[in-house]
Amino acid sequence: AAFQTWAERSIGDEAWTALEVEFATNARRDPHVRAELAA
């Protein structure tokens, strides 16, 4: 129940999600950044 409460507040935050997706998508061109994200 506590986890679900956190999830309802956090999972799907538009700004955070967009940043994660945009940065990860851009990272595909840079092996160093990909390695950092993978770690």
All heavy atoms as atom14 arrays in JSON, in Angstrom:
{
  "sequence": "AAFQTWAERSIGDEAWTALEVEFATNARRDPHVRAELAA",
  "atom14_mask": [
    [1, 1, 1, 1, 1, 0, 0, 0, 0, 0, 0, 0, 0, 0],
    [1, 1, 1, 1, 1, 0, 0, 0, 0, 0, 0, 0, 0, 0],
    [1, 1, 1, 1, 1, 1, 1, 1, 1, 1, 1, 0, 0, 0],
    [1, 1, 1, 1, 1, 1, 1, 1, 1, 0, 0, 0, 0, 0],
    [1, 1, 1, 1, 1, 1, 1, 0, 0, 0, 0, 0, 0, 0],
    [1, 1, 1, 1, 1, 1, 1, 1, 1, 1, 1, 1, 1, 1],
    [1, 1, 1, 1, 1, 0, 0, 0, 0, 0, 0, 0, 0, 0],
    [1, 1, 1, 1, 1, 1, 1, 1, 1, 0, 0, 0, 0, 0],
    [1, 1, 1, 1, 1, 1, 1, 1, 1, 1, 1, 0, 0, 0],
    [1, 1, 1, 1, 1, 1, 0, 0, 0, 0, 0, 0, 0, 0],
    [1, 1, 1, 1, 1, 1, 1, 1, 0, 0, 0, 0, 0, 0],
    [1, 1, 1, 1, 0, 0, 0, 0, 0, 0, 0, 0, 0, 0],
    [1, 1, 1, 1, 1, 1, 1, 1, 0, 0, 0, 0, 0, 0],
    [1, 1, 1, 1, 1, 1, 1, 1, 1, 0, 0, 0, 0, 0],
    [1, 1, 1, 1, 1, 0, 0, 0, 0, 0, 0, 0, 0, 0],
    [1, 1, 1, 1, 1, 1, 1, 1, 1, 1, 1, 1, 1, 1],
    [1, 1, 1, 1, 1, 1, 1, 0, 0, 0, 0, 0, 0, 0],
    [1, 1, 1, 1, 1, 0, 0, 0, 0, 0, 0, 0, 0, 0],
    [1, 1, 1, 1, 1, 1, 1, 1, 0, 0, 0, 0, 0, 0],
    [1, 1, 1, 1, 1, 1, 1, 1, 1, 0, 0, 0, 0, 0],
    [1, 1, 1, 1, 1, 1, 1, 0, 0, 0, 0, 0, 0, 0],
    [1, 1, 1, 1, 1, 1, 1, 1, 1, 0, 0, 0, 0, 0],
    [1, 1, 1, 1, 1, 1, 1, 1, 1, 1, 1, 0, 0, 0],
    [1, 1, 1, 1, 1, 0, 0, 0, 0, 0, 0, 0, 0, 0],
    [1, 1, 1, 1, 1, 1, 1, 0, 0, 0, 0, 0, 0, 0],
    [1, 1, 1, 1, 1, 1, 1, 1, 0, 0, 0, 0, 0, 0],
    [1, 1, 1, 1, 1, 0, 0, 0, 0, 0, 0, 0, 0, 0],
    [1, 1, 1, 1, 1, 1, 1, 1, 1, 1, 1, 0, 0, 0],
    [1, 1, 1, 1, 1, 1, 1, 1, 1, 1, 1, 0, 0, 0],
    [1, 1, 1, 1, 1, 1, 1, 1, 0, 0, 0, 0, 0, 0],
    [1, 1, 1, 1, 1, 1, 1, 0, 0, 0, 0, 0, 0, 0],
    [1, 1, 1, 1, 1, 1, 1, 1, 1, 1, 0, 0, 0, 0],
    [1, 1, 1, 1, 1, 1, 1, 0, 0, 0, 0, 0, 0, 0],
    [1, 1, 1, 1, 1, 1, 1, 1, 1, 1, 1, 0, 0, 0],
    [1, 1, 1, 1, 1, 0, 0, 0, 0, 0, 0, 0, 0, 0],
    [1, 1, 1, 1, 1, 1, 1, 1, 1, 0, 0, 0, 0, 0],
    [1, 1, 1, 1, 1, 1, 1, 1, 0, 0, 0, 0, 0, 0],
    [1, 1, 1, 1, 1, 0, 0, 0, 0, 0, 0, 0, 0, 0],
    [1, 1, 1, 1, 1, 0, 0, 0, 0, 0, 0, 0, 0, 0]
  ],
  "atom14_positions": [
    [[0.84, -1.2, 0.0], [0.0, 0.0, 0.0], [0.87, 1.25, 0.0], [0.6, 2.22, -0.73], [-0.94, -0.01, 1.21], [0.0, 0.0, 0.0], [0.0, 0.0, 0.0], [0.0, 0.0, 0.0], [0.0, 0.0, 0.0], [0.0, 0.0, 0.0], [0.0, 0.0, 0.0], [0.0, 0.0, 0.0], [0.0, 0.0, 0.0], [0.0, 0.0, 0.0]],
    [[1.94, 1.25, 0.81], [2.86, 2.39, 0.84], [3.55, 2.56, -0.5], [3.72, 3.67, -1.01], [3.88, 2.21, 1.96], [0.0, 0.0, 0.0], [0.0, 0.0, 0.0], [0.0, 0.0, 0.0], [0.0, 0.0, 0.0], [0.0, 0.0, 0.0], [0.0, 0.0, 0.0], [0.0, 0.0, 0.0], [0.0, 0.0, 0.0], [0.0, 0.0, 0.0]],
    [[3.97, 1.43, -1.09], [4.6, 1.47, -2.41], [3.64, 2.03, -3.45], [4.01, 2.85, -4.28], [5.08, 0.06, -2.81], [5.66, 0.01, -4.18], [6.94, 0.51, -4.42], [4.95, -0.53, -5.24], [7.48, 0.47, -5.7], [5.49, -0.57, -6.51], [6.76, -0.07, -6.75], [0.0, 0.0, 0.0], [0.0, 0.0, 0.0], [0.0, 0.0, 0.0]],
    [[2.39, 1.61, -3.41], [1.41, 2.09, -4.37], [1.17, 3.6, -4.21], [1.04, 4.31, -5.21], [0.08, 1.34, -4.25], [-0.92, 1.78, -5.31], [-2.07, 0.82, -5.48], [-1.95, -0.37, -5.19], [-3.18, 1.33, -5.97], [0.0, 0.0, 0.0], [0.0, 0.0, 0.0], [0.0, 0.0, 0.0], [0.0, 0.0, 0.0], [0.0, 0.0, 0.0]],
    [[1.15, 4.07, -2.99], [0.99, 5.5, -2.76], [2.14, 6.28, -3.38], [1.94, 7.3, -4.06], [0.89, 5.8, -1.24], [-0.25, 5.12, -0.72], [0.77, 7.28, -0.97], [0.0, 0.0, 0.0], [0.0, 0.0, 0.0], [0.0, 0.0, 0.0], [0.0, 0.0, 0.0], [0.0, 0.0, 0.0], [0.0, 0.0, 0.0], [0.0, 0.0, 0.0]],
    [[3.39, 5.8, -3.17], [4.54, 6.43, -3.8], [4.4, 6.37, -5.32], [4.62, 7.36, -6.01], [5.85, 5.76, -3.36], [6.99, 6.18, -4.22], [7.74, 7.32, -4.1], [7.49, 5.51, -5.39], [8.67, 7.39, -5.11], [8.53, 6.29, -5.92], [7.14, 4.32, -6.04], [9.23, 5.93, -7.06], [7.84, 3.94, -7.17], [8.88, 4.74, -7.67]],
    [[4.03, 5.21, -5.85], [3.93, 5.01, -7.29], [2.9, 5.96, -7.91], [3.13, 6.52, -8.99], [3.57, 3.56, -7.6], [0.0, 0.0, 0.0], [0.0, 0.0, 0.0], [0.0, 0.0, 0.0], [0.0, 0.0, 0.0], [0.0, 0.0, 0.0], [0.0, 0.0, 0.0], [0.0, 0.0, 0.0], [0.0, 0.0, 0.0], [0.0, 0.0, 0.0]],
    [[1.78, 6.15, -7.23], [0.76, 7.06, -7.76], [1.27, 8.49, -7.85], [0.9, 9.22, -8.77], [-0.51, 6.98, -6.9], [-1.27, 5.69, -7.12], [-2.39, 5.45, -6.12], [-2.52, 6.22, -5.13], [-3.14, 4.47, -6.32], [0.0, 0.0, 0.0], [0.0, 0.0, 0.0], [0.0, 0.0, 0.0], [0.0, 0.0, 0.0], [0.0, 0.0, 0.0]],
    [[2.13, 8.88, -6.94], [2.69, 10.23, -6.97], [3.83, 10.36, -7.97], [4.04, 11.44, -8.53], [3.22, 10.62, -5.59], [2.19, 11.06, -4.6], [2.83, 11.75, -3.39], [4.03, 11.09, -2.93], [4.1, 10.29, -1.85], [3.03, 10.07, -1.13], [5.24, 9.74, -1.5], [0.0, 0.0, 0.0], [0.0, 0.0, 0.0], [0.0, 0.0, 0.0]],
    [[4.59, 9.3, -8.18], [5.85, 9.42, -8.91], [5.88, 8.79, -10.29], [6.49, 9.35, -11.2], [6.98, 8.83, -8.06], [7.09, 9.51, -6.85], [0.0, 0.0, 0.0], [0.0, 0.0, 0.0], [0.0, 0.0, 0.0], [0.0, 0.0, 0.0], [0.0, 0.0, 0.0], [0.0, 0.0, 0.0], [0.0, 0.0, 0.0], [0.0, 0.0, 0.0]],
    [[5.3, 7.63, -10.45], [5.4, 6.93, -11.74], [4.51, 7.63, -12.76], [3.31, 7.72, -12.57], [5.03, 5.44, -11.6], [6.08, 4.73, -10.75], [4.93, 4.78, -12.98], [5.82, 3.26, -10.53], [0.0, 0.0, 0.0], [0.0, 0.0, 0.0], [0.0, 0.0, 0.0], [0.0, 0.0, 0.0], [0.0, 0.0, 0.0], [0.0, 0.0, 0.0]],
    [[5.14, 8.13, -13.79], [4.41, 8.84, -14.83], [4.5, 10.34, -14.71], [3.85, 11.06, -15.47], [0.0, 0.0, 0.0], [0.0, 0.0, 0.0], [0.0, 0.0, 0.0], [0.0, 0.0, 0.0], [0.0, 0.0, 0.0], [0.0, 0.0, 0.0], [0.0, 0.0, 0.0], [0.0, 0.0, 0.0], [0.0, 0.0, 0.0], [0.0, 0.0, 0.0]],
    [[5.33, 10.83, -13.79], [5.58, 12.27, -13.73], [6.05, 12.7, -15.13], [7.05, 12.2, -15.63], [6.63, 12.57, -12.67], [7.02, 14.03, -12.64], [7.87, 14.44, -13.46], [6.46, 14.75, -11.79], [0.0, 0.0, 0.0], [0.0, 0.0, 0.0], [0.0, 0.0, 0.0], [0.0, 0.0, 0.0], [0.0, 0.0, 0.0], [0.0, 0.0, 0.0]],
    [[5.29, 13.59, -15.76], [5.57, 13.92, -17.16], [6.98, 14.45, -17.38], [7.67, 14.02, -18.31], [4.56, 14.95, -17.67], [3.18, 14.39, -17.88], [2.21, 15.41, -18.42], [2.61, 16.23, -19.27], [1.05, 15.39, -17.98], [0.0, 0.0, 0.0], [0.0, 0.0, 0.0], [0.0, 0.0, 0.0], [0.0, 0.0, 0.0], [0.0, 0.0, 0.0]],
    [[7.41, 15.39, -16.56], [8.71, 16.01, -16.77], [9.84, 15.01, -16.55], [10.77, 14.92, -17.38], [8.87, 17.21, -15.83], [0.0, 0.0, 0.0], [0.0, 0.0, 0.0], [0.0, 0.0, 0.0], [0.0, 0.0, 0.0], [0.0, 0.0, 0.0], [0.0, 0.0, 0.0], [0.0, 0.0, 0.0], [0.0, 0.0, 0.0], [0.0, 0.0, 0.0]],
    [[9.78, 14.26, -15.46], [10.82, 13.29, -15.15], [10.87, 12.2, -16.22], [11.94, 11.85, -16.74], [10.57, 12.72, -13.76], [11.46, 11.59, -13.34], [12.73, 11.33, -13.77], [11.15, 10.57, -12.39], [13.23, 10.21, -13.14], [12.27, 9.72, -12.29], [10.03, 10.29, -11.62], [12.31, 8.62, -11.45], [10.08, 9.19, -10.78], [11.21, 8.37, -10.7]],
    [[9.71, 11.67, -16.58], [9.65, 10.61, -17.6], [10.2, 11.1, -18.93], [11.01, 10.42, -19.58], [8.21, 10.11, -17.76], [7.74, 9.62, -16.5], [8.11, 9.01, -18.81], [0.0, 0.0, 0.0], [0.0, 0.0, 0.0], [0.0, 0.0, 0.0], [0.0, 0.0, 0.0], [0.0, 0.0, 0.0], [0.0, 0.0, 0.0], [0.0, 0.0, 0.0]],
    [[9.79, 12.3, -19.34], [10.25, 12.85, -20.62], [11.77, 13.03, -20.62], [12.45, 12.71, -21.6], [9.55, 14.18, -20.92], [0.0, 0.0, 0.0], [0.0, 0.0, 0.0], [0.0, 0.0, 0.0], [0.0, 0.0, 0.0], [0.0, 0.0, 0.0], [0.0, 0.0, 0.0], [0.0, 0.0, 0.0], [0.0, 0.0, 0.0], [0.0, 0.0, 0.0]],
    [[12.31, 13.52, -19.5], [13.76, 13.71, -19.42], [14.48, 12.38, -19.51], [15.46, 12.24, -20.26], [14.13, 14.44, -18.12], [15.64, 14.64, -17.89], [16.26, 15.45, -19.03], [15.86, 15.31, -16.54], [0.0, 0.0, 0.0], [0.0, 0.0, 0.0], [0.0, 0.0, 0.0], [0.0, 0.0, 0.0], [0.0, 0.0, 0.0], [0.0, 0.0, 0.0]],
    [[14.03, 11.39, -18.77], [14.67, 10.07, -18.81], [14.65, 9.49, -20.24], [15.66, 9.0, -20.72], [13.96, 9.09, -17.86], [14.1, 9.42, -16.4], [15.26, 8.74, -15.72], [16.11, 8.11, -16.38], [15.31, 8.84, -14.48], [0.0, 0.0, 0.0], [0.0, 0.0, 0.0], [0.0, 0.0, 0.0], [0.0, 0.0, 0.0], [0.0, 0.0, 0.0]],
    [[13.49, 9.56, -20.88], [13.35, 8.98, -22.22], [14.19, 9.76, -23.23], [14.91, 9.17, -24.04], [11.86, 8.92, -22.65], [11.72, 8.56, -24.12], [11.1, 7.93, -21.77], [0.0, 0.0, 0.0], [0.0, 0.0, 0.0], [0.0, 0.0, 0.0], [0.0, 0.0, 0.0], [0.0, 0.0, 0.0], [0.0, 0.0, 0.0], [0.0, 0.0, 0.0]],
    [[14.11, 11.09, -23.18], [14.86, 11.92, -24.13], [16.36, 11.69, -23.97], [17.07, 11.5, -24.96], [14.52, 13.39, -23.92], [15.25, 14.31, -24.88], [14.98, 15.79, -24.63], [14.37, 16.14, -23.59], [15.41, 16.59, -25.48], [0.0, 0.0, 0.0], [0.0, 0.0, 0.0], [0.0, 0.0, 0.0], [0.0, 0.0, 0.0], [0.0, 0.0, 0.0]],
    [[16.83, 11.68, -22.74], [18.27, 11.5, -22.53], [18.72, 10.11, -22.94], [19.76, 9.96, -23.6], [18.62, 11.78, -21.07], [20.1, 11.84, -20.83], [20.87, 12.85, -21.36], [20.74, 10.86, -20.08], [22.25, 12.9, -21.15], [22.1, 10.89, -19.86], [22.86, 11.93, -20.4], [0.0, 0.0, 0.0], [0.0, 0.0, 0.0], [0.0, 0.0, 0.0]],
    [[17.95, 9.1, -22.59], [18.31, 7.73, -22.97], [18.32, 7.56, -24.48], [19.2, 6.89, -25.04], [17.35, 6.73, -22.33], [0.0, 0.0, 0.0], [0.0, 0.0, 0.0], [0.0, 0.0, 0.0], [0.0, 0.0, 0.0], [0.0, 0.0, 0.0], [0.0, 0.0, 0.0], [0.0, 0.0, 0.0], [0.0, 0.0, 0.0], [0.0, 0.0, 0.0]],
    [[17.37, 8.19, -25.15], [17.31, 8.12, -26.61], [18.54, 8.78, -27.24], [19.13, 8.25, -28.17], [16.02, 8.77, -27.14], [14.91, 8.1, -26.54], [15.91, 8.68, -28.64], [0.0, 0.0, 0.0], [0.0, 0.0, 0.0], [0.0, 0.0, 0.0], [0.0, 0.0, 0.0], [0.0, 0.0, 0.0], [0.0, 0.0, 0.0], [0.0, 0.0, 0.0]],
    [[18.92, 9.93, -26.71], [20.11, 10.62, -27.22], [21.38, 9.83, -26.92], [22.35, 9.92, -27.67], [20.23, 12.02, -26.6], [19.24, 12.99, -27.19], [18.75, 12.82, -28.29], [18.92, 14.03, -26.43], [0.0, 0.0, 0.0], [0.0, 0.0, 0.0], [0.0, 0.0, 0.0], [0.0, 0.0, 0.0], [0.0, 0.0, 0.0], [0.0, 0.0, 0.0]],
    [[21.38, 9.08, -25.84], [22.58, 8.35, -25.41], [22.97, 7.24, -26.37], [24.12, 6.8, -26.36], [22.36, 7.77, -24.02], [0.0, 0.0, 0.0], [0.0, 0.0, 0.0], [0.0, 0.0, 0.0], [0.0, 0.0, 0.0], [0.0, 0.0, 0.0], [0.0, 0.0, 0.0], [0.0, 0.0, 0.0], [0.0, 0.0, 0.0], [0.0, 0.0, 0.0]],
    [[22.05, 6.81, -27.2], [22.36, 5.69, -28.09], [23.52, 6.02, -29.04], [24.16, 5.14, -29.57], [21.13, 5.26, -28.87], [20.7, 6.19, -29.97], [19.4, 5.71, -30.63], [19.08, 6.47, -31.81], [18.5, 7.67, -31.8], [18.17, 8.23, -30.67], [18.24, 8.29, -32.93], [0.0, 0.0, 0.0], [0.0, 0.0, 0.0], [0.0, 0.0, 0.0]],
    [[23.81, 7.29, -29.21], [24.89, 7.72, -30.11], [26.25, 7.8, -29.43], [27.26, 7.99, -30.09], [24.54, 9.07, -30.72], [23.32, 9.05, -31.59], [23.09, 10.43, -32.22], [21.85, 10.43, -32.96], [20.69, 10.86, -32.49], [20.62, 11.33, -31.26], [19.62, 10.84, -33.23], [0.0, 0.0, 0.0], [0.0, 0.0, 0.0], [0.0, 0.0, 0.0]],
    [[26.27, 7.71, -28.11], [27.51, 7.91, -27.36], [27.78, 6.72, -26.45], [27.1, 6.55, -25.44], [27.39, 9.2, -26.54], [28.67, 9.57, -25.82], [29.48, 8.68, -25.48], [28.87, 10.77, -25.58], [0.0, 0.0, 0.0], [0.0, 0.0, 0.0], [0.0, 0.0, 0.0], [0.0, 0.0, 0.0], [0.0, 0.0, 0.0], [0.0, 0.0, 0.0]],
    [[28.76, 5.89, -26.81], [29.04, 4.69, -26.01], [29.36, 5.0, -24.55], [28.99, 4.23, -23.66], [30.24, 4.06, -26.72], [30.27, 4.65, -28.08], [29.63, 5.99, -27.99], [0.0, 0.0, 0.0], [0.0, 0.0, 0.0], [0.0, 0.0, 0.0], [0.0, 0.0, 0.0], [0.0, 0.0, 0.0], [0.0, 0.0, 0.0], [0.0, 0.0, 0.0]],
    [[30.04, 6.12, -24.28], [30.37, 6.47, -22.9], [29.1, 6.75, -22.09], [28.95, 6.25, -20.97], [31.31, 7.68, -22.85], [31.52, 8.21, -21.47], [32.28, 7.53, -20.53], [31.05, 9.32, -20.85], [32.26, 8.21, -19.4], [31.53, 9.3, -19.56], [0.0, 0.0, 0.0], [0.0, 0.0, 0.0], [0.0, 0.0, 0.0], [0.0, 0.0, 0.0]],
    [[28.2, 7.54, -22.64], [26.96, 7.87, -21.92], [26.1, 6.62, -21.77], [25.51, 6.4, -20.71], [26.19, 9.01, -22.63], [24.87, 9.28, -21.95], [27.03, 10.28, -22.66], [0.0, 0.0, 0.0], [0.0, 0.0, 0.0], [0.0, 0.0, 0.0], [0.0, 0.0, 0.0], [0.0, 0.0, 0.0], [0.0, 0.0, 0.0], [0.0, 0.0, 0.0]],
    [[26.06, 5.79, -22.81], [25.32, 4.53, -22.7], [25.86, 3.68, -21.57], [25.11, 3.1, -20.78], [25.37, 3.76, -24.02], [24.45, 4.33, -25.07], [24.58, 3.61, -26.36], [24.14, 2.22, -26.22], [24.17, 1.34, -27.19], [24.61, 1.68, -28.38], [23.77, 0.12, -27.0], [0.0, 0.0, 0.0], [0.0, 0.0, 0.0], [0.0, 0.0, 0.0]],
    [[27.18, 3.62, -21.45], [27.8, 2.83, -20.38], [27.46, 3.43, -19.02], [27.19, 2.69, -18.06], [29.32, 2.77, -20.59], [0.0, 0.0, 0.0], [0.0, 0.0, 0.0], [0.0, 0.0, 0.0], [0.0, 0.0, 0.0], [0.0, 0.0, 0.0], [0.0, 0.0, 0.0], [0.0, 0.0, 0.0], [0.0, 0.0, 0.0], [0.0, 0.0, 0.0]],
    [[27.46, 4.75, -18.92], [27.1, 5.4, -17.66], [25.65, 5.1, -17.29], [25.35, 4.79, -16.14], [27.31, 6.93, -17.76], [28.75, 7.36, -17.8], [29.46, 7.13, -16.48], [28.83, 7.26, -15.42], [30.67, 6.82, -16.51], [0.0, 0.0, 0.0], [0.0, 0.0, 0.0], [0.0, 0.0, 0.0], [0.0, 0.0, 0.0], [0.0, 0.0, 0.0]],
    [[24.75, 5.19, -18.26], [23.34, 4.87, -18.0], [23.17, 3.4, -17.64], [22.39, 3.07, -16.75], [22.48, 5.23, -19.2], [22.19, 6.72, -19.4], [21.45, 6.95, -20.71], [21.41, 7.3, -18.23], [0.0, 0.0, 0.0], [0.0, 0.0, 0.0], [0.0, 0.0, 0.0], [0.0, 0.0, 0.0], [0.0, 0.0, 0.0], [0.0, 0.0, 0.0]],
    [[23.9, 2.53, -18.34], [23.81, 1.09, -18.05], [24.28, 0.79, -16.62], [23.68, -0.03, -15.92], [24.62, 0.3, -19.06], [0.0, 0.0, 0.0], [0.0, 0.0, 0.0], [0.0, 0.0, 0.0], [0.0, 0.0, 0.0], [0.0, 0.0, 0.0], [0.0, 0.0, 0.0], [0.0, 0.0, 0.0], [0.0, 0.0, 0.0], [0.0, 0.0, 0.0]],
    [[25.34, 1.46, -16.19], [25.84, 1.25, -14.83], [24.8, 1.71, -13.8], [24.58, 1.03, -12.79], [27.15, 2.0, -14.63], [0.0, 0.0, 0.0], [0.0, 0.0, 0.0], [0.0, 0.0, 0.0], [0.0, 0.0, 0.0], [0.0, 0.0, 0.0], [0.0, 0.0, 0.0], [0.0, 0.0, 0.0], [0.0, 0.0, 0.0], [0.0, 0.0, 0.0]]
  ]
}
